[in-house]
N, C-alpha and C. Protein backbone atom coordinates (compact mmCIF):
# COMPACT_ATOMS: atom_id res chain seq x y z
N MET A 1 24.51 -120.47 22.23
CA MET A 1 24.63 -121.69 23.02
C MET A 1 25.10 -122.83 22.13
N LYS A 2 26.04 -123.61 22.61
CA LYS A 2 26.55 -124.77 21.86
C LYS A 2 25.87 -126.04 22.35
N ILE A 3 25.46 -126.86 21.38
CA ILE A 3 24.81 -128.14 21.69
C ILE A 3 25.58 -129.25 20.99
N LEU A 4 25.94 -130.27 21.75
CA LEU A 4 26.56 -131.47 21.18
C LEU A 4 25.47 -132.51 21.04
N GLY A 5 25.14 -132.86 19.79
CA GLY A 5 24.15 -133.90 19.52
C GLY A 5 24.85 -135.23 19.30
N ILE A 6 24.27 -136.30 19.84
CA ILE A 6 24.88 -137.63 19.70
C ILE A 6 23.83 -138.65 19.28
N ASP A 7 24.17 -139.42 18.24
CA ASP A 7 23.37 -140.57 17.81
C ASP A 7 24.14 -141.80 18.28
N PRO A 8 23.70 -142.43 19.38
CA PRO A 8 24.49 -143.51 19.98
C PRO A 8 24.48 -144.79 19.16
N GLY A 9 25.53 -145.54 19.32
CA GLY A 9 25.66 -146.84 18.67
C GLY A 9 26.89 -147.52 19.24
N THR A 10 27.34 -148.59 18.58
CA THR A 10 28.58 -149.23 19.01
C THR A 10 29.62 -149.18 17.89
N ALA A 11 29.23 -149.57 16.68
CA ALA A 11 30.17 -149.51 15.56
C ALA A 11 30.39 -148.07 15.13
N THR A 12 29.30 -147.28 15.08
CA THR A 12 29.38 -145.89 14.66
C THR A 12 28.53 -145.03 15.58
N ILE A 13 29.10 -143.96 16.07
CA ILE A 13 28.38 -143.00 16.90
C ILE A 13 28.41 -141.67 16.16
N GLY A 14 27.26 -141.18 15.75
CA GLY A 14 27.20 -139.89 15.07
C GLY A 14 27.35 -138.77 16.07
N ILE A 15 28.10 -137.73 15.68
CA ILE A 15 28.25 -136.57 16.55
C ILE A 15 28.06 -135.30 15.71
N GLY A 16 27.48 -134.29 16.35
CA GLY A 16 27.29 -133.01 15.67
C GLY A 16 27.23 -131.90 16.69
N VAL A 17 28.01 -130.85 16.47
CA VAL A 17 28.00 -129.70 17.35
C VAL A 17 27.39 -128.53 16.59
N ILE A 18 26.35 -127.93 17.18
CA ILE A 18 25.72 -126.77 16.56
C ILE A 18 25.71 -125.60 17.54
N GLU A 19 25.48 -124.43 16.99
CA GLU A 19 25.35 -123.23 17.81
C GLU A 19 23.99 -122.61 17.52
N CYS A 20 23.34 -122.12 18.58
CA CYS A 20 22.05 -121.48 18.46
C CYS A 20 22.11 -120.13 19.15
N ASP A 21 21.71 -119.07 18.41
CA ASP A 21 21.70 -117.73 19.02
C ASP A 21 20.28 -117.31 19.42
N GLY A 22 19.36 -118.27 19.37
CA GLY A 22 17.96 -117.98 19.72
C GLY A 22 17.06 -117.86 18.51
N THR A 23 17.66 -117.53 17.35
CA THR A 23 16.85 -117.43 16.13
C THR A 23 17.43 -118.25 14.98
N THR A 24 18.76 -118.42 14.96
CA THR A 24 19.37 -119.20 13.87
C THR A 24 20.25 -120.31 14.43
N LEU A 25 20.44 -121.31 13.58
CA LEU A 25 21.27 -122.47 13.93
C LEU A 25 22.42 -122.57 12.94
N SER A 26 23.59 -122.94 13.43
CA SER A 26 24.72 -123.16 12.52
C SER A 26 25.53 -124.35 13.00
N ALA A 27 26.05 -125.10 12.03
CA ALA A 27 26.87 -126.27 12.34
C ALA A 27 28.30 -125.83 12.60
N ILE A 28 28.88 -126.36 13.68
CA ILE A 28 30.26 -126.05 14.03
C ILE A 28 31.17 -127.22 13.64
N ASP A 29 30.73 -128.42 13.97
CA ASP A 29 31.53 -129.62 13.71
C ASP A 29 30.59 -130.81 13.64
N PHE A 30 30.93 -131.77 12.81
CA PHE A 30 30.13 -132.99 12.74
C PHE A 30 30.98 -134.12 12.17
N GLY A 31 30.60 -135.34 12.53
CA GLY A 31 31.35 -136.51 12.08
C GLY A 31 30.87 -137.74 12.81
N TRP A 32 31.79 -138.62 13.10
CA TRP A 32 31.40 -139.85 13.79
C TRP A 32 32.59 -140.46 14.51
N ILE A 33 32.28 -141.28 15.47
CA ILE A 33 33.28 -142.08 16.17
C ILE A 33 33.05 -143.49 15.67
N GLU A 34 34.12 -144.13 15.24
CA GLU A 34 34.00 -145.48 14.69
C GLU A 34 34.81 -146.45 15.55
N THR A 35 34.22 -147.60 15.87
CA THR A 35 34.95 -148.62 16.61
C THR A 35 35.06 -149.87 15.75
N SER A 36 36.07 -150.65 16.00
CA SER A 36 36.32 -151.86 15.21
C SER A 36 35.59 -153.07 15.79
N LYS A 37 34.95 -153.83 14.91
CA LYS A 37 34.27 -155.04 15.36
C LYS A 37 35.28 -156.09 15.83
N ASP A 38 36.56 -155.91 15.47
CA ASP A 38 37.60 -156.83 15.90
C ASP A 38 37.99 -156.62 17.37
N ASP A 39 37.68 -155.43 17.88
CA ASP A 39 37.95 -155.16 19.29
C ASP A 39 36.83 -155.74 20.15
N GLY A 40 37.15 -156.10 21.35
CA GLY A 40 36.13 -156.59 22.27
C GLY A 40 35.23 -155.44 22.72
N ALA A 41 34.11 -155.81 23.35
CA ALA A 41 33.13 -154.81 23.80
C ALA A 41 33.76 -153.78 24.73
N GLY A 42 34.62 -154.24 25.63
CA GLY A 42 35.27 -153.33 26.58
C GLY A 42 36.12 -152.28 25.89
N LYS A 43 36.94 -152.70 24.91
CA LYS A 43 37.80 -151.77 24.19
C LYS A 43 36.98 -150.74 23.42
N ARG A 44 35.88 -151.21 22.84
CA ARG A 44 35.02 -150.31 22.07
C ARG A 44 34.42 -149.24 22.98
N LEU A 45 33.98 -149.66 24.16
CA LEU A 45 33.38 -148.72 25.11
C LEU A 45 34.41 -147.72 25.64
N VAL A 46 35.63 -148.19 25.87
CA VAL A 46 36.70 -147.29 26.32
C VAL A 46 36.96 -146.22 25.26
N LYS A 47 37.00 -146.63 23.99
CA LYS A 47 37.23 -145.68 22.89
C LYS A 47 36.11 -144.64 22.82
N ILE A 48 34.86 -145.09 22.92
CA ILE A 48 33.71 -144.18 22.88
C ILE A 48 33.81 -143.16 24.02
N HIS A 49 34.06 -143.66 25.23
CA HIS A 49 34.18 -142.79 26.41
C HIS A 49 35.28 -141.74 26.21
N LYS A 50 36.44 -142.19 25.77
CA LYS A 50 37.60 -141.31 25.58
C LYS A 50 37.30 -140.24 24.54
N GLU A 51 36.73 -140.63 23.41
CA GLU A 51 36.49 -139.67 22.32
C GLU A 51 35.37 -138.69 22.65
N ILE A 52 34.36 -139.12 23.39
CA ILE A 52 33.29 -138.20 23.82
C ILE A 52 33.87 -137.16 24.78
N LYS A 53 34.71 -137.59 25.72
CA LYS A 53 35.36 -136.65 26.65
C LYS A 53 36.20 -135.64 25.88
N GLU A 54 36.95 -136.12 24.89
CA GLU A 54 37.79 -135.22 24.08
C GLU A 54 36.94 -134.19 23.33
N LEU A 55 35.80 -134.64 22.79
CA LEU A 55 34.88 -133.74 22.08
C LEU A 55 34.35 -132.65 23.02
N ILE A 56 33.96 -133.06 24.21
CA ILE A 56 33.44 -132.11 25.20
C ILE A 56 34.52 -131.09 25.55
N GLN A 57 35.73 -131.57 25.78
CA GLN A 57 36.83 -130.66 26.13
C GLN A 57 37.19 -129.73 24.98
N LYS A 58 37.11 -130.22 23.75
CA LYS A 58 37.45 -129.41 22.58
C LYS A 58 36.41 -128.32 22.33
N HIS A 59 35.12 -128.69 22.34
CA HIS A 59 34.06 -127.75 21.94
C HIS A 59 33.39 -127.02 23.10
N GLN A 60 33.55 -127.54 24.32
CA GLN A 60 32.93 -126.91 25.49
C GLN A 60 31.44 -126.62 25.27
N PRO A 61 30.65 -127.65 24.92
CA PRO A 61 29.22 -127.41 24.70
C PRO A 61 28.52 -127.04 26.02
N ASP A 62 27.38 -126.38 25.89
CA ASP A 62 26.58 -126.02 27.07
C ASP A 62 25.70 -127.18 27.50
N VAL A 63 25.37 -128.06 26.56
CA VAL A 63 24.48 -129.18 26.83
C VAL A 63 24.75 -130.29 25.82
N ILE A 64 24.41 -131.51 26.20
CA ILE A 64 24.49 -132.65 25.28
C ILE A 64 23.08 -133.17 25.06
N ALA A 65 22.74 -133.38 23.79
CA ALA A 65 21.44 -133.96 23.44
C ALA A 65 21.70 -135.31 22.79
N ILE A 66 21.02 -136.33 23.29
CA ILE A 66 21.27 -137.70 22.82
C ILE A 66 19.96 -138.37 22.45
N GLU A 67 20.01 -139.19 21.41
CA GLU A 67 18.81 -139.92 20.99
C GLU A 67 18.58 -141.10 21.93
N LYS A 68 17.33 -141.25 22.37
CA LYS A 68 16.98 -142.39 23.23
C LYS A 68 17.03 -143.69 22.44
N LEU A 69 17.24 -144.76 23.15
CA LEU A 69 17.28 -146.09 22.54
C LEU A 69 15.91 -146.47 22.03
N PHE A 70 15.86 -146.97 20.80
CA PHE A 70 14.62 -147.38 20.16
C PHE A 70 14.58 -148.91 20.20
N PHE A 71 13.51 -149.48 20.73
CA PHE A 71 13.48 -150.92 21.00
C PHE A 71 12.95 -151.82 19.89
N PHE A 72 12.84 -151.31 18.66
CA PHE A 72 12.39 -152.19 17.59
C PHE A 72 13.55 -153.00 17.02
N ILE A 73 14.73 -152.78 17.56
CA ILE A 73 15.90 -153.53 17.13
C ILE A 73 16.02 -154.78 18.01
N ASN A 74 16.87 -155.72 17.62
CA ASN A 74 16.97 -156.96 18.39
C ASN A 74 17.63 -156.72 19.75
N ALA A 75 17.40 -157.64 20.66
CA ALA A 75 17.84 -157.48 22.06
C ALA A 75 19.35 -157.36 22.18
N LYS A 76 20.10 -158.11 21.38
CA LYS A 76 21.57 -158.08 21.44
C LYS A 76 22.07 -156.67 21.07
N THR A 77 21.52 -156.13 19.99
CA THR A 77 21.90 -154.79 19.55
C THR A 77 21.48 -153.76 20.59
N ALA A 78 20.28 -153.91 21.13
CA ALA A 78 19.77 -152.97 22.14
C ALA A 78 20.69 -152.93 23.35
N MET A 79 21.17 -154.08 23.79
CA MET A 79 22.07 -154.12 24.95
C MET A 79 23.38 -153.40 24.66
N ALA A 80 23.94 -153.63 23.47
CA ALA A 80 25.21 -152.99 23.10
C ALA A 80 25.05 -151.47 23.02
N VAL A 81 23.94 -151.01 22.43
CA VAL A 81 23.69 -149.56 22.32
C VAL A 81 23.45 -148.96 23.71
N ALA A 82 22.75 -149.70 24.58
CA ALA A 82 22.52 -149.23 25.95
C ALA A 82 23.84 -149.05 26.69
N GLU A 83 24.79 -149.96 26.48
CA GLU A 83 26.11 -149.84 27.10
C GLU A 83 26.83 -148.60 26.58
N SER A 84 26.72 -148.36 25.27
CA SER A 84 27.32 -147.18 24.66
C SER A 84 26.73 -145.90 25.25
N ILE A 85 25.41 -145.86 25.40
CA ILE A 85 24.75 -144.70 26.01
C ILE A 85 25.27 -144.50 27.43
N GLY A 86 25.47 -145.60 28.15
CA GLY A 86 25.99 -145.52 29.52
C GLY A 86 27.35 -144.85 29.58
N VAL A 87 28.28 -145.23 28.69
CA VAL A 87 29.62 -144.63 28.74
C VAL A 87 29.59 -143.18 28.22
N ILE A 88 28.69 -142.88 27.30
CA ILE A 88 28.54 -141.50 26.83
C ILE A 88 28.06 -140.62 27.99
N LYS A 89 27.07 -141.12 28.73
CA LYS A 89 26.56 -140.36 29.88
C LYS A 89 27.61 -140.26 30.99
N LEU A 90 28.43 -141.28 31.16
CA LEU A 90 29.51 -141.24 32.14
C LEU A 90 30.53 -140.17 31.75
N ALA A 91 30.89 -140.13 30.46
CA ALA A 91 31.83 -139.10 29.98
C ALA A 91 31.25 -137.71 30.21
N ALA A 92 29.97 -137.54 29.93
CA ALA A 92 29.31 -136.24 30.13
C ALA A 92 29.31 -135.85 31.60
N GLU A 93 28.97 -136.80 32.46
CA GLU A 93 28.92 -136.53 33.90
C GLU A 93 30.30 -136.18 34.44
N SER A 94 31.33 -136.85 33.95
CA SER A 94 32.69 -136.56 34.43
C SER A 94 33.16 -135.18 34.01
N GLU A 95 32.49 -134.58 33.00
CA GLU A 95 32.82 -133.22 32.55
C GLU A 95 31.76 -132.22 33.02
N ASP A 96 30.91 -132.64 33.99
CA ASP A 96 29.85 -131.79 34.54
C ASP A 96 28.88 -131.27 33.47
N MET A 97 28.51 -132.14 32.55
CA MET A 97 27.61 -131.76 31.46
C MET A 97 26.18 -132.21 31.75
N VAL A 98 25.22 -131.40 31.29
CA VAL A 98 23.81 -131.77 31.36
C VAL A 98 23.49 -132.58 30.10
N VAL A 99 22.78 -133.69 30.26
CA VAL A 99 22.39 -134.53 29.12
C VAL A 99 20.87 -134.56 29.03
N GLU A 100 20.35 -134.25 27.84
CA GLU A 100 18.91 -134.34 27.56
C GLU A 100 18.71 -135.43 26.53
N SER A 101 17.70 -136.27 26.72
CA SER A 101 17.43 -137.37 25.79
C SER A 101 16.10 -137.17 25.09
N TYR A 102 16.06 -137.52 23.80
CA TYR A 102 14.85 -137.37 23.00
C TYR A 102 14.57 -138.65 22.23
N ALA A 103 13.30 -139.01 22.17
CA ALA A 103 12.87 -140.20 21.43
C ALA A 103 12.94 -139.92 19.93
N PRO A 104 13.20 -140.94 19.12
CA PRO A 104 13.29 -140.75 17.67
C PRO A 104 12.05 -140.06 17.07
N LEU A 105 10.86 -140.45 17.52
CA LEU A 105 9.63 -139.85 17.00
C LEU A 105 9.59 -138.35 17.28
N GLN A 106 10.00 -137.96 18.47
CA GLN A 106 10.02 -136.55 18.88
C GLN A 106 11.01 -135.76 18.03
N ILE A 107 12.17 -136.33 17.78
CA ILE A 107 13.20 -135.67 16.97
C ILE A 107 12.68 -135.46 15.55
N LYS A 108 12.11 -136.50 14.96
CA LYS A 108 11.58 -136.39 13.60
C LYS A 108 10.50 -135.33 13.50
N LEU A 109 9.62 -135.31 14.47
CA LEU A 109 8.52 -134.34 14.48
C LEU A 109 9.04 -132.91 14.56
N VAL A 110 9.98 -132.66 15.44
CA VAL A 110 10.51 -131.30 15.61
C VAL A 110 11.34 -130.87 14.40
N VAL A 111 12.13 -131.79 13.83
CA VAL A 111 13.05 -131.43 12.75
C VAL A 111 12.36 -131.39 11.38
N THR A 112 11.46 -132.35 11.12
CA THR A 112 10.85 -132.43 9.79
C THR A 112 9.38 -132.01 9.77
N GLY A 113 8.74 -131.99 10.93
CA GLY A 113 7.32 -131.69 10.97
C GLY A 113 6.46 -132.93 10.94
N SER A 114 7.10 -134.11 10.83
CA SER A 114 6.37 -135.39 10.81
C SER A 114 7.10 -136.42 11.65
N GLY A 115 6.38 -137.02 12.59
CA GLY A 115 6.95 -138.08 13.41
C GLY A 115 7.17 -139.36 12.63
N LYS A 116 6.61 -139.43 11.42
CA LYS A 116 6.75 -140.63 10.57
C LYS A 116 7.82 -140.46 9.50
N ALA A 117 8.61 -139.39 9.59
CA ALA A 117 9.64 -139.11 8.59
C ALA A 117 10.64 -140.26 8.51
N ASP A 118 11.10 -140.55 7.28
CA ASP A 118 12.12 -141.59 7.11
C ASP A 118 13.51 -140.94 7.11
N LYS A 119 14.54 -141.76 6.97
CA LYS A 119 15.92 -141.27 7.01
C LYS A 119 16.18 -140.20 5.95
N THR A 120 15.63 -140.41 4.76
CA THR A 120 15.82 -139.46 3.66
C THR A 120 15.26 -138.10 4.01
N MET A 121 14.08 -138.08 4.62
CA MET A 121 13.45 -136.82 5.00
C MET A 121 14.24 -136.12 6.11
N VAL A 122 14.76 -136.88 7.06
CA VAL A 122 15.56 -136.30 8.14
C VAL A 122 16.83 -135.68 7.55
N LYS A 123 17.51 -136.42 6.66
CA LYS A 123 18.73 -135.89 6.03
C LYS A 123 18.43 -134.61 5.26
N ALA A 124 17.34 -134.61 4.50
CA ALA A 124 16.98 -133.42 3.72
C ALA A 124 16.71 -132.22 4.63
N ALA A 125 16.04 -132.46 5.75
CA ALA A 125 15.74 -131.37 6.69
C ALA A 125 17.02 -130.84 7.32
N VAL A 126 17.90 -131.73 7.73
CA VAL A 126 19.16 -131.31 8.35
C VAL A 126 20.01 -130.52 7.35
N ARG A 127 20.07 -131.02 6.10
CA ARG A 127 20.82 -130.30 5.06
C ARG A 127 20.26 -128.90 4.86
N SER A 128 18.95 -128.80 4.83
CA SER A 128 18.29 -127.51 4.61
C SER A 128 18.51 -126.55 5.78
N ILE A 129 18.39 -127.04 6.99
CA ILE A 129 18.51 -126.19 8.18
C ILE A 129 19.95 -125.74 8.41
N LEU A 130 20.90 -126.67 8.28
CA LEU A 130 22.29 -126.37 8.64
C LEU A 130 23.23 -126.21 7.45
N LYS A 131 22.73 -126.44 6.24
CA LYS A 131 23.54 -126.30 5.02
C LYS A 131 24.78 -127.20 5.06
N VAL A 132 24.60 -128.45 5.49
CA VAL A 132 25.71 -129.41 5.53
C VAL A 132 25.58 -130.38 4.36
N ARG A 133 26.69 -130.87 3.90
CA ARG A 133 26.71 -131.82 2.80
C ARG A 133 27.65 -132.97 3.13
N SER A 134 27.38 -134.12 2.53
CA SER A 134 28.26 -135.28 2.68
C SER A 134 29.48 -135.07 1.78
N PRO A 135 30.68 -135.39 2.26
CA PRO A 135 31.87 -135.27 1.40
C PRO A 135 31.71 -136.14 0.16
N LYS A 136 31.96 -135.56 -1.01
CA LYS A 136 31.78 -136.30 -2.26
C LYS A 136 32.83 -137.39 -2.42
N LYS A 137 32.38 -138.50 -2.99
CA LYS A 137 33.24 -139.64 -3.33
C LYS A 137 34.03 -140.19 -2.15
N LYS A 138 33.48 -140.04 -0.95
CA LYS A 138 34.13 -140.61 0.23
C LYS A 138 33.13 -141.45 0.97
N LYS A 139 33.59 -142.58 1.51
CA LYS A 139 32.72 -143.42 2.32
C LYS A 139 32.48 -142.69 3.64
N THR A 140 31.21 -142.41 3.91
CA THR A 140 30.90 -141.69 5.13
C THR A 140 29.76 -142.38 5.88
N HIS A 141 29.55 -141.93 7.06
CA HIS A 141 28.41 -142.36 7.87
C HIS A 141 27.49 -141.15 7.99
N PHE A 142 27.08 -140.62 6.83
CA PHE A 142 26.30 -139.38 6.80
C PHE A 142 24.97 -139.53 7.53
N ASP A 143 24.35 -140.72 7.47
CA ASP A 143 23.10 -140.96 8.21
C ASP A 143 23.30 -140.73 9.70
N ASP A 144 24.39 -141.27 10.23
CA ASP A 144 24.66 -141.17 11.67
C ASP A 144 24.92 -139.73 12.10
N LEU A 145 25.72 -139.02 11.32
CA LEU A 145 26.01 -137.63 11.72
C LEU A 145 24.78 -136.74 11.53
N CYS A 146 23.94 -137.04 10.51
CA CYS A 146 22.69 -136.28 10.34
C CYS A 146 21.75 -136.53 11.51
N ASP A 147 21.70 -137.77 11.99
CA ASP A 147 20.86 -138.08 13.15
C ASP A 147 21.36 -137.32 14.38
N ALA A 148 22.69 -137.22 14.53
CA ALA A 148 23.25 -136.48 15.67
C ALA A 148 22.91 -135.00 15.56
N LEU A 149 23.04 -134.43 14.37
CA LEU A 149 22.70 -133.03 14.17
C LEU A 149 21.20 -132.80 14.39
N ALA A 150 20.37 -133.78 13.99
CA ALA A 150 18.92 -133.68 14.19
C ALA A 150 18.57 -133.63 15.68
N VAL A 151 19.28 -134.41 16.50
CA VAL A 151 19.05 -134.39 17.95
C VAL A 151 19.38 -133.01 18.50
N ALA A 152 20.50 -132.44 18.04
CA ALA A 152 20.90 -131.11 18.50
C ALA A 152 19.89 -130.05 18.06
N ILE A 153 19.40 -130.16 16.83
CA ILE A 153 18.38 -129.23 16.32
C ILE A 153 17.12 -129.34 17.18
N CYS A 154 16.74 -130.57 17.51
CA CYS A 154 15.56 -130.82 18.33
C CYS A 154 15.69 -130.10 19.67
N TYR A 155 16.84 -130.24 20.31
CA TYR A 155 17.05 -129.56 21.59
C TYR A 155 16.89 -128.05 21.42
N ALA A 156 17.55 -127.50 20.40
CA ALA A 156 17.53 -126.04 20.19
C ALA A 156 16.11 -125.54 19.95
N ARG A 157 15.38 -126.23 19.09
CA ARG A 157 14.03 -125.77 18.76
C ARG A 157 13.07 -125.90 19.94
N LYS A 158 13.27 -126.89 20.77
CA LYS A 158 12.38 -127.08 21.92
C LYS A 158 12.72 -126.17 23.10
N ASN A 159 13.98 -125.77 23.22
CA ASN A 159 14.41 -125.05 24.41
C ASN A 159 14.93 -123.63 24.20
N LEU A 160 15.39 -123.31 23.01
CA LEU A 160 16.06 -122.04 22.81
C LEU A 160 15.40 -121.10 21.80
N MET A 161 14.61 -121.66 20.91
CA MET A 161 14.03 -120.84 19.85
C MET A 161 12.56 -120.54 20.17
N PRO A 162 12.12 -119.34 19.84
CA PRO A 162 10.73 -118.99 20.14
C PRO A 162 9.76 -119.83 19.33
N ALA A 163 8.69 -120.25 19.98
CA ALA A 163 7.63 -120.99 19.28
C ALA A 163 6.86 -120.00 18.43
N PRO A 164 6.34 -120.44 17.28
CA PRO A 164 5.56 -119.51 16.47
C PRO A 164 4.33 -119.04 17.24
N CYS A 165 4.00 -117.75 17.10
CA CYS A 165 2.83 -117.23 17.81
C CYS A 165 1.56 -117.75 17.15
N GLU A 166 0.44 -117.65 17.84
CA GLU A 166 -0.82 -118.20 17.33
C GLU A 166 -1.20 -117.62 15.98
N ASP A 167 -0.96 -116.32 15.77
CA ASP A 167 -1.30 -115.69 14.50
C ASP A 167 -0.53 -116.31 13.34
N GLU A 168 0.78 -116.60 13.57
CA GLU A 168 1.59 -117.23 12.53
C GLU A 168 1.06 -118.62 12.19
N VAL A 169 0.72 -119.39 13.23
CA VAL A 169 0.21 -120.74 13.02
C VAL A 169 -1.11 -120.68 12.25
N LYS A 170 -2.01 -119.77 12.64
CA LYS A 170 -3.30 -119.63 11.95
C LYS A 170 -3.10 -119.22 10.50
N SER A 171 -2.18 -118.27 10.25
CA SER A 171 -1.98 -117.80 8.88
C SER A 171 -1.40 -118.91 8.01
N LYS A 172 -0.54 -119.76 8.58
CA LYS A 172 0.01 -120.88 7.81
C LYS A 172 -1.09 -121.88 7.47
N LYS A 173 -1.99 -122.13 8.42
CA LYS A 173 -3.10 -123.04 8.17
C LYS A 173 -4.03 -122.47 7.12
N THR A 174 -4.27 -121.15 7.17
CA THR A 174 -5.15 -120.50 6.21
C THR A 174 -4.57 -120.59 4.80
N LEU A 175 -3.25 -120.42 4.69
CA LEU A 175 -2.61 -120.50 3.39
C LEU A 175 -2.76 -121.88 2.76
N LYS A 176 -2.79 -122.90 3.57
CA LYS A 176 -2.89 -124.27 3.06
C LYS A 176 -4.30 -124.60 2.57
N LYS A 177 -5.30 -123.91 3.12
CA LYS A 177 -6.67 -124.20 2.73
C LYS A 177 -6.96 -123.62 1.35
N LYS A 178 -7.76 -124.33 0.57
CA LYS A 178 -8.17 -123.81 -0.72
C LYS A 178 -9.26 -122.78 -0.49
N PRO A 179 -9.26 -121.70 -1.30
CA PRO A 179 -10.30 -120.70 -1.11
C PRO A 179 -11.67 -121.28 -1.40
N ALA A 180 -12.65 -120.85 -0.62
CA ALA A 180 -14.01 -121.34 -0.83
C ALA A 180 -14.52 -120.86 -2.17
N PHE A 181 -15.27 -121.71 -2.87
CA PHE A 181 -15.82 -121.36 -4.17
C PHE A 181 -17.00 -120.42 -3.99
N SER A 182 -16.98 -119.37 -4.78
CA SER A 182 -18.07 -118.41 -4.71
C SER A 182 -18.55 -118.16 -6.13
N GLY A 183 -19.86 -118.08 -6.30
CA GLY A 183 -20.44 -117.81 -7.62
C GLY A 183 -19.96 -116.49 -8.18
N LYS A 184 -19.66 -115.52 -7.31
CA LYS A 184 -19.20 -114.21 -7.75
C LYS A 184 -17.82 -114.29 -8.41
N ASN A 185 -17.02 -115.25 -7.97
CA ASN A 185 -15.66 -115.37 -8.49
C ASN A 185 -15.60 -116.16 -9.80
N ARG A 186 -16.72 -116.75 -10.17
CA ARG A 186 -16.70 -117.63 -11.34
C ARG A 186 -16.57 -116.81 -12.61
N ILE A 187 -15.66 -117.22 -13.49
CA ILE A 187 -15.49 -116.55 -14.78
C ILE A 187 -16.06 -117.48 -15.82
N ARG A 188 -16.94 -116.90 -16.62
CA ARG A 188 -17.57 -117.70 -17.68
C ARG A 188 -16.90 -117.36 -19.00
N ARG A 189 -16.56 -118.40 -19.69
CA ARG A 189 -15.95 -118.19 -21.01
C ARG A 189 -16.74 -119.01 -22.01
N GLY A 190 -16.98 -118.43 -23.09
CA GLY A 190 -17.69 -119.12 -24.15
C GLY A 190 -17.06 -118.80 -25.48
N LYS A 191 -17.73 -119.19 -26.55
CA LYS A 191 -17.18 -118.95 -27.88
C LYS A 191 -17.10 -117.47 -28.20
N GLY A 192 -17.95 -116.72 -27.57
CA GLY A 192 -17.96 -115.27 -27.86
C GLY A 192 -16.86 -114.52 -27.14
N GLY A 193 -16.03 -115.20 -26.36
CA GLY A 193 -14.93 -114.54 -25.67
C GLY A 193 -15.38 -113.79 -24.43
N ARG A 194 -16.55 -114.06 -23.97
CA ARG A 194 -17.12 -113.39 -22.82
C ARG A 194 -16.48 -113.76 -21.51
């Protein structure tokens, strides 16, 4: 199954296409859509809409996963990102695509194991899972494309990959615990080499 992950924005929109066979994930394509601050809001939205439609037509994903808007940013930025999400969803709908949205905390938890993960931890997890790297010595928007890939990974892990069985979860927890101290296990050493 192909998943198109999108990290919405206005200046930069991260995109990542992954494939999931039910047990493994692989990156097919990733990058970003960039709009110019010199263009008006309308032109920027038209560009985003056009490029998302082209991506859908090129890769034919089965589903689109998009990061939900996070409201700790200022109202002006939130409005611009909300407009971008609107045109992304319009492009998806015009291509008969299903769109699933995930909150940043949910994405971090599924991808890194911690809802409090920072950008560095998310990038490290995405690199580890998909074996992707930032092009060397080139100006990139690697954070944005990693966020897009993380959204796609989140969708795959929540919907397509088997959850670990209870025995696996218990054994992982047991491995993390320190063994209980027992007098029988104690080794005594002294000057006599005993």
